[in-house]
Amino acid sequence: MSLTLIFVIITVAASLAAWQNHSLMSKWIFNPYQVWHRKEYFRFISSGFIHKDTLHLLLNMFVFYMFGDIVESIFLASFPAGLVIYWAWNNSLSILQQTVIMRRARKADERKKAGSRIGPAKTSPASGGNAGNSDAGGNTGGKKKK
């Protein structure tokens, strides 16, 4: 089975899934605002796998299949098939790993920023509102004791 055929199958499956589930379609479709403001960079890739309608999908997959075999024979002719599979799998895992790492780092940064927004601790009414602000004689800044 060629890589071109694998990509055609994945693309058809993704398009069919997106046509059935409109929330999936809106999540995968390319939207520059979402990419920029929400940092949803996966849309650069996911939008290539979904198509508007059946004619659009069939035409694109036909052309992709026709040119895909030619491109595969030119670019992958000098590579053994096992090396190509290893390379594709390894790159996919690396991208997934980096995505997970970046999400965890982003969440840690958000937690750190949220923690820095917390104001100073409030004092309890029992301490007179000046907890820790007394001088050596026990005075809290009010009138001096005689």
Protein backbone atom coordinates (compact mmCIF):
# COMPACT_ATOMS: atom_id res chain seq x y z
CA MET A 1 0.00 0.00 0.00
CA SER A 2 1.47 3.34 -1.02
CA LEU A 3 1.71 6.43 1.15
CA THR A 4 -0.52 8.23 -1.33
CA LEU A 5 -3.30 5.70 -0.85
CA ILE A 6 -2.91 5.92 2.94
CA PHE A 7 -3.29 9.72 2.78
CA VAL A 8 -6.32 9.41 0.49
CA ILE A 9 -7.99 7.02 2.96
CA ILE A 10 -7.21 9.29 5.93
CA THR A 11 -8.48 12.35 4.08
CA VAL A 12 -11.73 10.69 3.03
CA ALA A 13 -12.30 9.41 6.59
CA ALA A 14 -11.58 12.85 8.10
CA SER A 15 -13.90 14.60 5.64
CA LEU A 16 -16.72 12.11 6.26
CA ALA A 17 -16.30 12.49 10.02
CA ALA A 18 -16.32 16.29 9.74
CA TRP A 19 -19.46 16.25 7.55
CA GLN A 20 -21.28 14.17 10.17
CA ASN A 21 -20.12 16.25 13.15
CA HIS A 22 -20.31 20.02 12.62
CA SER A 23 -18.42 20.80 15.84
CA LEU A 24 -15.54 18.68 14.54
CA MET A 25 -15.68 20.57 11.24
CA SER A 26 -15.51 23.94 13.00
CA LYS A 27 -12.63 22.72 15.18
CA TRP A 28 -10.56 21.42 12.24
CA ILE A 29 -11.26 24.11 9.66
CA PHE A 30 -8.57 26.74 9.12
CA ASN A 31 -9.43 29.92 10.97
CA PRO A 32 -6.61 32.49 11.21
CA TYR A 33 -8.21 34.20 14.22
CA GLN A 34 -8.23 30.94 16.20
CA VAL A 35 -4.67 30.16 15.16
CA TRP A 36 -3.38 33.57 16.21
CA HIS A 37 -5.35 34.25 19.39
CA ARG A 38 -5.83 30.73 20.75
CA LYS A 39 -2.58 29.31 19.39
CA GLU A 40 -4.39 26.43 17.66
CA TYR A 41 -1.58 25.62 15.25
CA PHE A 42 -2.97 22.14 14.53
CA ARG A 43 -5.42 23.86 12.18
CA PHE A 44 -2.61 24.25 9.62
CA ILE A 45 -2.56 20.46 9.26
CA SER A 46 -6.13 19.44 10.08
CA SER A 47 -7.65 21.81 7.51
CA GLY A 48 -5.82 19.95 4.75
CA PHE A 49 -7.75 16.78 5.56
CA ILE A 50 -11.28 18.17 5.36
CA HIS A 51 -13.19 19.23 2.26
CA LYS A 52 -16.34 21.25 1.67
CA ASP A 53 -18.42 18.71 -0.23
CA THR A 54 -18.33 15.43 -2.15
CA LEU A 55 -17.30 16.89 -5.51
CA HIS A 56 -14.47 18.87 -3.92
CA LEU A 57 -13.25 15.74 -2.09
CA LEU A 58 -13.49 13.44 -5.14
CA LEU A 59 -11.71 15.85 -7.46
CA ASN A 60 -8.92 16.57 -5.00
CA MET A 61 -8.38 12.91 -4.15
CA PHE A 62 -8.30 11.92 -7.85
CA VAL A 63 -5.67 14.55 -8.65
CA PHE A 64 -3.72 13.77 -5.49
CA TYR A 65 -3.71 10.06 -6.32
CA MET A 66 -2.56 10.67 -9.90
CA PHE A 67 0.32 12.93 -8.88
CA GLY A 68 1.07 11.10 -5.64
CA ASP A 69 2.44 7.99 -7.32
CA ILE A 70 4.75 10.12 -9.47
CA VAL A 71 5.97 12.11 -6.48
CA GLU A 72 6.50 8.93 -4.46
CA SER A 73 8.51 7.31 -7.24
CA ILE A 74 10.77 10.38 -7.56
CA PHE A 75 11.33 11.22 -3.90
CA LEU A 76 11.12 7.81 -2.26
CA ALA A 77 12.83 5.67 -4.92
CA SER A 78 16.21 5.86 -3.20
CA PHE A 79 14.83 4.99 0.27
CA PRO A 80 14.04 1.48 1.47
CA ALA A 81 10.38 1.08 2.42
CA GLY A 82 11.18 0.24 6.05
CA LEU A 83 13.20 3.42 6.43
CA VAL A 84 10.35 5.52 5.06
CA ILE A 85 7.86 3.92 7.47
CA TYR A 86 10.30 4.40 10.37
CA TRP A 87 10.91 8.03 9.38
CA ALA A 88 7.19 8.84 9.08
CA TRP A 89 6.33 7.10 12.38
CA ASN A 90 9.24 8.70 14.23
CA ASN A 91 8.35 12.20 12.99
CA SER A 92 4.71 11.69 13.94
CA LEU A 93 5.67 10.65 17.46
CA SER A 94 8.07 13.59 17.78
CA ILE A 95 5.36 16.04 16.77
CA LEU A 96 2.94 14.46 19.24
CA GLN A 97 5.57 14.58 21.99
CA GLN A 98 6.31 18.26 21.37
CA THR A 99 2.60 19.06 21.36
CA VAL A 100 2.14 17.41 24.77
CA ILE A 101 5.22 19.14 26.20
CA MET A 102 4.12 22.56 24.94
CA ARG A 103 0.60 22.12 26.34
CA ARG A 104 1.96 21.15 29.75
CA ALA A 105 4.36 24.10 29.73
CA ARG A 106 1.56 26.48 28.73
CA LYS A 107 -0.67 25.17 31.55
CA ALA A 108 2.17 25.54 34.06
CA ASP A 109 2.73 29.14 32.91
CA GLU A 110 -0.98 29.89 33.23
CA ARG A 111 -1.02 28.46 36.76
CA LYS A 112 2.04 30.50 37.68
CA LYS A 113 0.48 33.68 36.29
CA ALA A 114 -2.79 32.95 38.10
CA GLY A 115 -0.86 32.45 41.35
CA SER A 116 0.95 35.78 40.99
CA ARG A 117 -2.36 37.63 40.66
CA ILE A 118 -3.41 36.71 44.19
CA GLY A 119 -3.14 39.75 46.44
CA PRO A 120 -1.60 39.98 49.92
CA ALA A 121 -3.13 37.91 52.67
CA LYS A 122 -5.86 39.61 54.67
CA THR A 123 -5.46 39.88 58.42
CA SER A 124 -8.02 38.57 60.81
CA PRO A 125 -10.21 40.97 62.85
CA ALA A 126 -9.03 39.35 66.11
CA SER A 127 -5.50 40.63 65.57
CA GLY A 128 -6.70 44.20 65.28
CA GLY A 129 -5.91 44.40 61.62
CA ASN A 130 -2.23 45.06 62.27
CA ALA A 131 -0.87 41.58 62.57
CA GLY A 132 2.90 41.64 62.55
CA ASN A 133 3.11 45.46 62.58
CA SER A 134 3.91 46.05 66.25
CA ASP A 135 7.08 47.58 67.61
CA ALA A 136 9.32 46.10 70.31
CA GLY A 137 7.04 47.41 73.06
CA GLY A 138 3.97 45.70 71.66
CA ASN A 139 2.49 48.92 70.27
CA THR A 140 0.67 48.57 66.98
CA GLY A 141 1.10 52.10 65.73
CA GLY A 142 -1.84 53.54 67.64
CA LYS A 143 -1.58 55.58 70.82
CA LYS A 144 1.30 54.70 73.07
CA LYS A 145 0.54 52.88 76.28
CA LYS A 146 1.50 54.73 79.50
